Amino acid sequence: MKVTPSDLILSLKRLLMLSAVVQIIILVVYAARTGEFSVLNIFRILQVNRIFPQILEIPSIDIIAFLFTIIVFLVILFITVRKK
């Protein structure tokens, strides 16, 4: 069996996707159990506050994060559909 560079890249992509899905599942379960839905804020998940410490102190950051997530999703969807 010969492992090619594309096999390594594909395996890495799958590992990252699996890790991300498991992390989101854990956060959704935690949020449902505790009612602390701010853990689903994309900026918290990505730990953007390590670079911009004050970002999580913005009063409407959860709404901004939600809108940011929707916009990124729509951009990715547009790119994906356009490639077909």
PDB file of N, CA and C in Angstrom:
ATOM      1  N   MET A   1       0.843  -1.178   0.000  1.00  0.00           N
ATOM      2  CA  MET A   1       0.000   0.000   0.000  1.00  0.00           C
ATOM      3  C   MET A   1       0.890   1.243   0.000  1.00  0.00           C
ATOM      4  N   LYS A   2       0.659   2.102  -0.961  1.00  0.00           N
ATOM      5  CA  LYS A   2       1.440   3.324  -1.074  1.00  0.00           C
ATOM      6  C   LYS A   2       0.581   4.517  -0.673  1.00  0.00           C
ATOM      7  N   VAL A   3       1.103   5.307   0.234  1.00  0.00           N
ATOM      8  CA  VAL A   3       0.397   6.500   0.693  1.00  0.00           C
ATOM      9  C   VAL A   3       0.909   7.690  -0.102  1.00  0.00           C
ATOM     10  N   THR A   4      -0.005   8.364  -0.773  1.00  0.00           N
ATOM     11  CA  THR A   4       0.364   9.521  -1.584  1.00  0.00           C
ATOM     12  C   THR A   4       0.114  10.804  -0.800  1.00  0.00           C
ATOM     13  N   PRO A   5       0.709  11.894  -1.247  1.00  0.00           N
ATOM     14  CA  PRO A   5       0.447  13.174  -0.582  1.00  0.00           C
ATOM     15  C   PRO A   5      -1.048  13.531  -0.562  1.00  0.00           C
ATOM     16  N   SER A   6      -1.772  13.204  -1.627  1.00  0.00           N
ATOM     17  CA  SER A   6      -3.205  13.508  -1.641  1.00  0.00           C
ATOM     18  C   SER A   6      -3.960  12.655  -0.616  1.00  0.00           C
ATOM     19  N   ASP A   7      -3.479  11.434  -0.345  1.00  0.00           N
ATOM     20  CA  ASP A   7      -4.080  10.603   0.705  1.00  0.00           C
ATOM     21  C   ASP A   7      -3.883  11.260   2.072  1.00  0.00           C
ATOM     22  N   LEU A   8      -2.701  11.809   2.292  1.00  0.00           N
ATOM     23  CA  LEU A   8      -2.410  12.481   3.557  1.00  0.00           C
ATOM     24  C   LEU A   8      -3.295  13.717   3.741  1.00  0.00           C
ATOM     25  N   ILE A   9      -3.432  14.490   2.676  1.00  0.00           N
ATOM     26  CA  ILE A   9      -4.256  15.698   2.747  1.00  0.00           C
ATOM     27  C   ILE A   9      -5.718  15.340   2.989  1.00  0.00           C
ATOM     28  N   LEU A  10      -6.220  14.333   2.288  1.00  0.00           N
ATOM     29  CA  LEU A  10      -7.598  13.899   2.466  1.00  0.00           C
ATOM     30  C   LEU A  10      -7.832  13.390   3.891  1.00  0.00           C
ATOM     31  N   SER A  11      -6.896  12.634   4.407  1.00  0.00           N
ATOM     32  CA  SER A  11      -7.011  12.131   5.782  1.00  0.00           C
ATOM     33  C   SER A  11      -7.000  13.275   6.787  1.00  0.00           C
ATOM     34  N   LEU A  12      -6.159  14.268   6.567  1.00  0.00           N
ATOM     35  CA  LEU A  12      -6.109  15.430   7.445  1.00  0.00           C
ATOM     36  C   LEU A  12      -7.427  16.205   7.389  1.00  0.00           C
ATOM     37  N   LYS A  13      -7.975  16.394   6.197  1.00  0.00           N
ATOM     38  CA  LYS A  13      -9.266  17.075   6.053  1.00  0.00           C
ATOM     39  C   LYS A  13     -10.351  16.338   6.824  1.00  0.00           C
ATOM     40  N   ARG A  14     -10.365  15.029   6.710  1.00  0.00           N
ATOM     41  CA  ARG A  14     -11.380  14.227   7.401  1.00  0.00           C
ATOM     42  C   ARG A  14     -11.203  14.293   8.912  1.00  0.00           C
ATOM     43  N   LEU A  15      -9.967  14.280   9.377  1.00  0.00           N
ATOM     44  CA  LEU A  15      -9.697  14.395  10.806  1.00  0.00           C
ATOM     45  C   LEU A  15     -10.189  15.738  11.343  1.00  0.00           C
ATOM     46  N   LEU A  16      -9.879  16.806  10.624  1.00  0.00           N
ATOM     47  CA  LEU A  16     -10.309  18.133  11.046  1.00  0.00           C
ATOM     48  C   LEU A  16     -11.829  18.253  11.042  1.00  0.00           C
ATOM     49  N   MET A  17     -12.490  17.701  10.029  1.00  0.00           N
ATOM     50  CA  MET A  17     -13.945  17.755   9.964  1.00  0.00           C
ATOM     51  C   MET A  17     -14.568  16.965  11.108  1.00  0.00           C
ATOM     52  N   LEU A  18     -14.044  15.784  11.368  1.00  0.00           N
ATOM     53  CA  LEU A  18     -14.559  14.969  12.471  1.00  0.00           C
ATOM     54  C   LEU A  18     -14.380  15.691  13.809  1.00  0.00           C
ATOM     55  N   SER A  19     -13.213  16.270  14.022  1.00  0.00           N
ATOM     56  CA  SER A  19     -12.945  16.995  15.263  1.00  0.00           C
ATOM     57  C   SER A  19     -13.903  18.174  15.424  1.00  0.00           C
ATOM     58  N   ALA A  20     -14.130  18.902  14.347  1.00  0.00           N
ATOM     59  CA  ALA A  20     -15.033  20.056  14.402  1.00  0.00           C
ATOM     60  C   ALA A  20     -16.465  19.620  14.696  1.00  0.00           C
ATOM     61  N   VAL A  21     -16.914  18.553  14.054  1.00  0.00           N
ATOM     62  CA  VAL A  21     -18.276  18.066  14.275  1.00  0.00           C
ATOM     63  C   VAL A  21     -18.456  17.601  15.716  1.00  0.00           C
ATOM     64  N   VAL A  22     -17.490  16.870  16.229  1.00  0.00           N
ATOM     65  CA  VAL A  22     -17.574  16.394  17.612  1.00  0.00           C
ATOM     66  C   VAL A  22     -17.590  17.583  18.574  1.00  0.00           C
ATOM     67  N   GLN A  23     -16.762  18.586  18.329  1.00  0.00           N
ATOM     68  CA  GLN A  23     -16.727  19.765  19.192  1.00  0.00           C
ATOM     69  C   GLN A  23     -18.074  20.487  19.187  1.00  0.00           C
ATOM     70  N   ILE A  24     -18.675  20.650  18.014  1.00  0.00           N
ATOM     71  CA  ILE A  24     -19.961  21.335  17.920  1.00  0.00           C
ATOM     72  C   ILE A  24     -21.049  20.529  18.622  1.00  0.00           C
ATOM     73  N   ILE A  25     -21.038  19.213  18.453  1.00  0.00           N
ATOM     74  CA  ILE A  25     -22.022  18.367  19.144  1.00  0.00           C
ATOM     75  C   ILE A  25     -21.902  18.535  20.655  1.00  0.00           C
ATOM     76  N   ILE A  26     -20.690  18.508  21.157  1.00  0.00           N
ATOM     77  CA  ILE A  26     -20.462  18.686  22.594  1.00  0.00           C
ATOM     78  C   ILE A  26     -20.983  20.048  23.051  1.00  0.00           C
ATOM     79  N   LEU A  27     -20.714  21.102  22.292  1.00  0.00           N
ATOM     80  CA  LEU A  27     -21.168  22.441  22.665  1.00  0.00           C
ATOM     81  C   LEU A  27     -22.681  22.566  22.615  1.00  0.00           C
ATOM     82  N   VAL A  28     -23.312  21.955  21.618  1.00  0.00           N
ATOM     83  CA  VAL A  28     -24.774  22.006  21.514  1.00  0.00           C
ATOM     84  C   VAL A  28     -25.409  21.284  22.698  1.00  0.00           C
ATOM     85  N   VAL A  29     -24.890  20.123  23.046  1.00  0.00           N
ATOM     86  CA  VAL A  29     -25.411  19.376  24.205  1.00  0.00           C
ATOM     87  C   VAL A  29     -25.213  20.199  25.478  1.00  0.00           C
ATOM     88  N   TYR A  30     -24.038  20.773  25.637  1.00  0.00           N
ATOM     89  CA  TYR A  30     -23.754  21.602  26.819  1.00  0.00           C
ATOM     90  C   TYR A  30     -24.714  22.785  26.883  1.00  0.00           C
ATOM     91  N   ALA A  31     -24.898  23.469  25.751  1.00  0.00           N
ATOM     92  CA  ALA A  31     -25.798  24.631  25.717  1.00  0.00           C
ATOM     93  C   ALA A  31     -27.229  24.223  26.042  1.00  0.00           C
ATOM     94  N   ALA A  32     -27.662  23.085  25.525  1.00  0.00           N
ATOM     95  CA  ALA A  32     -29.026  22.613  25.795  1.00  0.00           C
ATOM     96  C   ALA A  32     -29.211  22.269  27.273  1.00  0.00           C
ATOM     97  N   ARG A  33     -28.203  21.694  27.874  1.00  0.00           N
ATOM     98  CA  ARG A  33     -28.294  21.300  29.293  1.00  0.00           C
ATOM     99  C   ARG A  33     -28.228  22.482  30.245  1.00  0.00           C
ATOM    100  N   THR A  34     -27.383  23.455  29.913  1.00  0.00           N
ATOM    101  CA  THR A  34     -27.140  24.557  30.846  1.00  0.00           C
ATOM    102  C   THR A  34     -27.891  25.837  30.487  1.00  0.00           C
ATOM    103  N   GLY A  35     -28.350  25.939  29.243  1.00  0.00           N
ATOM    104  CA  GLY A  35     -28.993  27.173  28.798  1.00  0.00           C
ATOM    105  C   GLY A  35     -27.997  28.266  28.454  1.00  0.00           C
ATOM    106  N   GLU A  36     -26.732  27.937  28.455  1.00  0.00           N
ATOM    107  CA  GLU A  36     -25.673  28.913  28.153  1.00  0.00           C
ATOM    108  C   GLU A  36     -25.353  28.856  26.648  1.00  0.00           C
ATOM    109  N   PHE A  37     -26.226  29.489  25.861  1.00  0.00           N
ATOM    110  CA  PHE A  37     -26.096  29.396  24.408  1.00  0.00           C
ATOM    111  C   PHE A  37     -24.970  30.263  23.849  1.00  0.00           C
ATOM    112  N   SER A  38     -24.374  31.090  24.670  1.00  0.00           N
ATOM    113  CA  SER A  38     -23.251  31.901  24.196  1.00  0.00           C
ATOM    114  C   SER A  38     -22.039  31.036  23.855  1.00  0.00           C
ATOM    115  N   VAL A  39     -22.015  29.776  24.332  1.00  0.00           N
ATOM    116  CA  VAL A  39     -20.887  28.893  23.969  1.00  0.00           C
ATOM    117  C   VAL A  39     -20.916  28.548  22.487  1.00  0.00           C
ATOM    118  N   LEU A  40     -22.056  28.792  21.830  1.00  0.00           N
ATOM    119  CA  LEU A  40     -22.170  28.504  20.397  1.00  0.00           C
ATOM    120  C   LEU A  40     -21.733  29.687  19.534  1.00  0.00           C
ATOM    121  N   ASN A  41     -21.301  30.756  20.166  1.00  0.00           N
ATOM    122  CA  ASN A  41     -20.792  31.928  19.467  1.00  0.00           C
ATOM    123  C   ASN A  41     -19.529  31.523  18.702  1.00  0.00           C
ATOM    124  N   ILE A  42     -19.522  31.734  17.397  1.00  0.00           N
ATOM    125  CA  ILE A  42     -18.408  31.291  16.543  1.00  0.00           C
ATOM    126  C   ILE A  42     -17.086  31.929  16.964  1.00  0.00           C
ATOM    127  N   PHE A  43     -17.135  33.161  17.481  1.00  0.00           N
ATOM    128  CA  PHE A  43     -15.913  33.815  17.917  1.00  0.00           C
ATOM    129  C   PHE A  43     -15.341  33.130  19.161  1.00  0.00           C
ATOM    130  N   ARG A  44     -16.210  32.617  20.028  1.00  0.00           N
ATOM    131  CA  ARG A  44     -15.747  31.862  21.198  1.00  0.00           C
ATOM    132  C   ARG A  44     -15.170  30.516  20.757  1.00  0.00           C
ATOM    133  N   ILE A  45     -15.878  29.855  19.831  1.00  0.00           N
ATOM    134  CA  ILE A  45     -15.431  28.541  19.357  1.00  0.00           C
ATOM    135  C   ILE A  45     -14.042  28.653  18.721  1.00  0.00           C
ATOM    136  N   LEU A  46     -13.843  29.689  17.913  1.00  0.00           N
ATOM    137  CA  LEU A  46     -12.556  29.877  17.232  1.00  0.00           C
ATOM    138  C   LEU A  46     -11.519  30.558  18.121  1.00  0.00           C
ATOM    139  N   GLN A  47     -11.924  30.973  19.309  1.00  0.00           N
ATOM    140  CA  GLN A  47     -11.060  31.643  20.278  1.00  0.00           C
ATOM    141  C   GLN A  47     -10.419  32.909  19.712  1.00  0.00           C
ATOM    142  N   VAL A  48     -11.233  33.675  18.998  1.00  0.00           N
ATOM    143  CA  VAL A  48     -10.769  34.941  18.429  1.00  0.00           C
ATOM    144  C   VAL A  48     -10.318  35.899  19.523  1.00  0.00           C
ATOM    145  N   ASN A  49     -10.877  35.734  20.720  1.00  0.00           N
ATOM    146  CA  ASN A  49     -10.513  36.621  21.825  1.00  0.00           C
ATOM    147  C   ASN A  49      -9.044  36.497  22.230  1.00  0.00           C
ATOM    148  N   ARG A  50      -8.364  35.475  21.788  1.00  0.00           N
ATOM    149  CA  ARG A  50      -6.923  35.370  22.072  1.00  0.00           C
ATOM    150  C   ARG A  50      -6.134  36.428  21.298  1.00  0.00           C
ATOM    151  N   ILE A  51      -6.672  36.823  20.145  1.00  0.00           N
ATOM    152  CA  ILE A  51      -6.029  37.869  19.341  1.00  0.00           C
ATOM    153  C   ILE A  51      -6.651  39.227  19.641  1.00  0.00           C
ATOM    154  N   PHE A  52      -7.983  39.249  19.788  1.00  0.00           N
ATOM    155  CA  PHE A  52      -8.730  40.474  20.083  1.00  0.00           C
ATOM    156  C   PHE A  52      -9.453  40.290  21.422  1.00  0.00           C
ATOM    157  N   PRO A  53      -8.770  40.535  22.540  1.00  0.00           N
ATOM    158  CA  PRO A  53      -9.321  40.224  23.862  1.00  0.00           C
ATOM    159  C   PRO A  53     -10.667  40.881  24.179  1.00  0.00           C
ATOM    160  N   GLN A  54     -10.939  42.056  23.662  1.00  0.00           N
ATOM    161  CA  GLN A  54     -12.171  42.759  23.997  1.00  0.00           C
ATOM    162  C   GLN A  54     -13.370  42.338  23.138  1.00  0.00           C
ATOM    163  N   ILE A  55     -13.178  41.495  22.147  1.00  0.00           N
ATOM    164  CA  ILE A  55     -14.260  41.192  21.211  1.00  0.00           C
ATOM    165  C   ILE A  55     -15.476  40.579  21.900  1.00  0.00           C
ATOM    166  N   LEU A  56     -15.265  39.765  22.906  1.00  0.00           N
ATOM    167  CA  LEU A  56     -16.397  39.116  23.568  1.00  0.00           C
ATOM    168  C   LEU A  56     -17.120  40.045  24.536  1.00  0.00           C
ATOM    169  N   GLU A  57     -16.579  41.232  24.755  1.00  0.00           N
ATOM    170  CA  GLU A  57     -17.214  42.206  25.640  1.00  0.00           C
ATOM    171  C   GLU A  57     -18.180  43.119  24.901  1.00  0.00           C
ATOM    172  N   ILE A  58     -18.223  43.032  23.572  1.00  0.00           N
ATOM    173  CA  ILE A  58     -19.153  43.836  22.784  1.00  0.00           C
ATOM    174  C   ILE A  58     -20.570  43.380  23.131  1.00  0.00           C
ATOM    175  N   PRO A  59     -21.467  44.327  23.482  1.00  0.00           N
ATOM    176  CA  PRO A  59     -22.801  43.943  23.951  1.00  0.00           C
ATOM    177  C   PRO A  59     -23.589  43.016  23.019  1.00  0.00           C
ATOM    178  N   SER A  60     -23.522  43.226  21.732  1.00  0.00           N
ATOM    179  CA  SER A  60     -24.318  42.419  20.806  1.00  0.00           C
ATOM    180  C   SER A  60     -23.463  41.391  20.050  1.00  0.00           C
ATOM    181  N   ILE A  61     -22.389  40.922  20.667  1.00  0.00           N
ATOM    182  CA  ILE A  61     -21.451  40.041  19.979  1.00  0.00           C
ATOM    183  C   ILE A  61     -22.085  38.721  19.545  1.00  0.00           C
ATOM    184  N   ASP A  62     -23.047  38.202  20.305  1.00  0.00           N
ATOM    185  CA  ASP A  62     -23.683  36.946  19.914  1.00  0.00           C
ATOM    186  C   ASP A  62     -24.477  37.111  18.622  1.00  0.00           C
ATOM    187  N   ILE A  63     -25.148  38.247  18.467  1.00  0.00           N
ATOM    188  CA  ILE A  63     -25.892  38.515  17.233  1.00  0.00           C
ATOM    189  C   ILE A  63     -24.927  38.722  16.080  1.00  0.00           C
ATOM    190  N   ILE A  64     -23.872  39.472  16.319  1.00  0.00           N
ATOM    191  CA  ILE A  64     -22.857  39.707  15.281  1.00  0.00           C
ATOM    192  C   ILE A  64     -22.236  38.381  14.853  1.00  0.00           C
ATOM    193  N   ALA A  65     -21.922  37.526  15.803  1.00  0.00           N
ATOM    194  CA  ALA A  65     -21.322  36.224  15.494  1.00  0.00           C
ATOM    195  C   ALA A  65     -22.281  35.363  14.680  1.00  0.00           C
ATOM    196  N   PHE A  66     -23.563  35.395  15.048  1.00  0.00           N
ATOM    197  CA  PHE A  66     -24.561  34.627  14.302  1.00  0.00           C
ATOM    198  C   PHE A  66     -24.649  35.115  12.862  1.00  0.00           C
ATOM    199  N   LEU A  67     -24.720  36.424  12.678  1.00  0.00           N
ATOM    200  CA  LEU A  67     -24.776  36.993  11.322  1.00  0.00           C
ATOM    201  C   LEU A  67     -23.508  36.679  10.539  1.00  0.00           C
ATOM    202  N   PHE A  68     -22.370  36.768  11.194  1.00  0.00           N
ATOM    203  CA  PHE A  68     -21.092  36.435  10.553  1.00  0.00           C
ATOM    204  C   PHE A  68     -21.103  34.981  10.068  1.00  0.00           C
ATOM    205  N   THR A  69     -21.604  34.074  10.916  1.00  0.00           N
ATOM    206  CA  THR A  69     -21.672  32.661  10.558  1.00  0.00           C
ATOM    207  C   THR A  69     -22.568  32.447   9.345  1.00  0.00           C
ATOM    208  N   ILE A  70     -23.722  33.091   9.331  1.00  0.00           N
ATOM    209  CA  ILE A  70     -24.656  32.968   8.200  1.00  0.00           C
ATOM    210  C   ILE A  70     -24.014  33.494   6.918  1.00  0.00           C
ATOM    211  N   ILE A  71     -23.346  34.628   7.002  1.00  0.00           N
ATOM    212  CA  ILE A  71     -22.698  35.209   5.820  1.00  0.00           C
ATOM    213  C   ILE A  71     -21.606  34.289   5.291  1.00  0.00           C
ATOM    214  N   VAL A  72     -20.772  33.762   6.170  1.00  0.00           N
ATOM    215  CA  VAL A  72     -19.704  32.844   5.738  1.00  0.00           C
ATOM    216  C   VAL A  72     -20.308  31.594   5.107  1.00  0.00           C
ATOM    217  N   PHE A  73     -21.367  31.060   5.721  1.00  0.00           N
ATOM    218  CA  PHE A  73     -22.043  29.891   5.154  1.00  0.00           C
ATOM    219  C   PHE A  73     -22.562  30.188   3.751  1.00  0.00           C
ATOM    220  N   LEU A  74     -23.205  31.336   3.565  1.00  0.00           N
ATOM    221  CA  LEU A  74     -23.750  31.685   2.252  1.00  0.00           C
ATOM    222  C   LEU A  74     -22.651  31.874   1.208  1.00  0.00           C
ATOM    223  N   VAL A  75     -21.536  32.448   1.608  1.00  0.00           N
ATOM    224  CA  VAL A  75     -20.398  32.606   0.684  1.00  0.00           C
ATOM    225  C   VAL A  75     -19.872  31.233   0.264  1.00  0.00           C
ATOM    226  N   ILE A  76     -19.700  30.344   1.233  1.00  0.00           N
ATOM    227  CA  ILE A  76     -19.218  28.997   0.917  1.00  0.00           C
ATOM    228  C   ILE A  76     -20.220  28.266   0.022  1.00  0.00           C
ATOM    229  N   LEU A  77     -21.500  28.412   0.328  1.00  0.00           N
ATOM    230  CA  LEU A  77     -22.536  27.782  -0.500  1.00  0.00           C
ATOM    231  C   LEU A  77     -22.503  28.323  -1.913  1.00  0.00           C
ATOM    232  N   PHE A  78     -22.369  29.621  -2.064  1.00  0.00           N
ATOM    233  CA  PHE A  78     -22.304  30.251  -3.382  1.00  0.00           C
ATOM    234  C   PHE A  78     -21.096  29.723  -4.168  1.00  0.00           C
ATOM    235  N   ILE A  79     -19.947  29.657  -3.539  1.00  0.00           N
ATOM    236  CA  ILE A  79     -18.746  29.144  -4.194  1.00  0.00           C
ATOM    237  C   ILE A  79     -18.919  27.693  -4.597  1.00  0.00           C
ATOM    238  N   THR A  80     -19.519  26.888  -3.711  1.00  0.00           N
ATOM    239  CA  THR A  80     -19.725  25.472  -3.975  1.00  0.00           C
ATOM    240  C   THR A  80     -20.672  25.270  -5.158  1.00  0.00           C
ATOM    241  N   VAL A  81     -21.779  25.984  -5.174  1.00  0.00           N
ATOM    242  CA  VAL A  81     -22.772  25.841  -6.246  1.00  0.00           C
ATOM    243  C   VAL A  81     -22.200  26.355  -7.557  1.00  0.00           C
ATOM    244  N   ARG A  82     -21.437  27.408  -7.486  1.00  0.00           N
ATOM    245  CA  ARG A  82     -20.844  28.015  -8.691  1.00  0.00           C
ATOM    246  C   ARG A  82     -19.852  27.071  -9.372  1.00  0.00           C
ATOM    247  N   LYS A  83     -19.170  26.232  -8.587  1.00  0.00           N
ATOM    248  CA  LYS A  83     -18.170  25.302  -9.148  1.00  0.00           C
ATOM    249  C   LYS A  83     -18.817  24.170  -9.945  1.00  0.00           C
ATOM    250  N   LYS A  84     -20.110  23.924  -9.714  1.00  0.00           N
ATOM    251  CA  LYS A  84     -20.771  22.804 -10.404  1.00  0.00           C
ATOM    252  C   LYS A  84     -21.023  23.087 -11.859  1.00  0.00           C
TER     253      LYS A  84
END
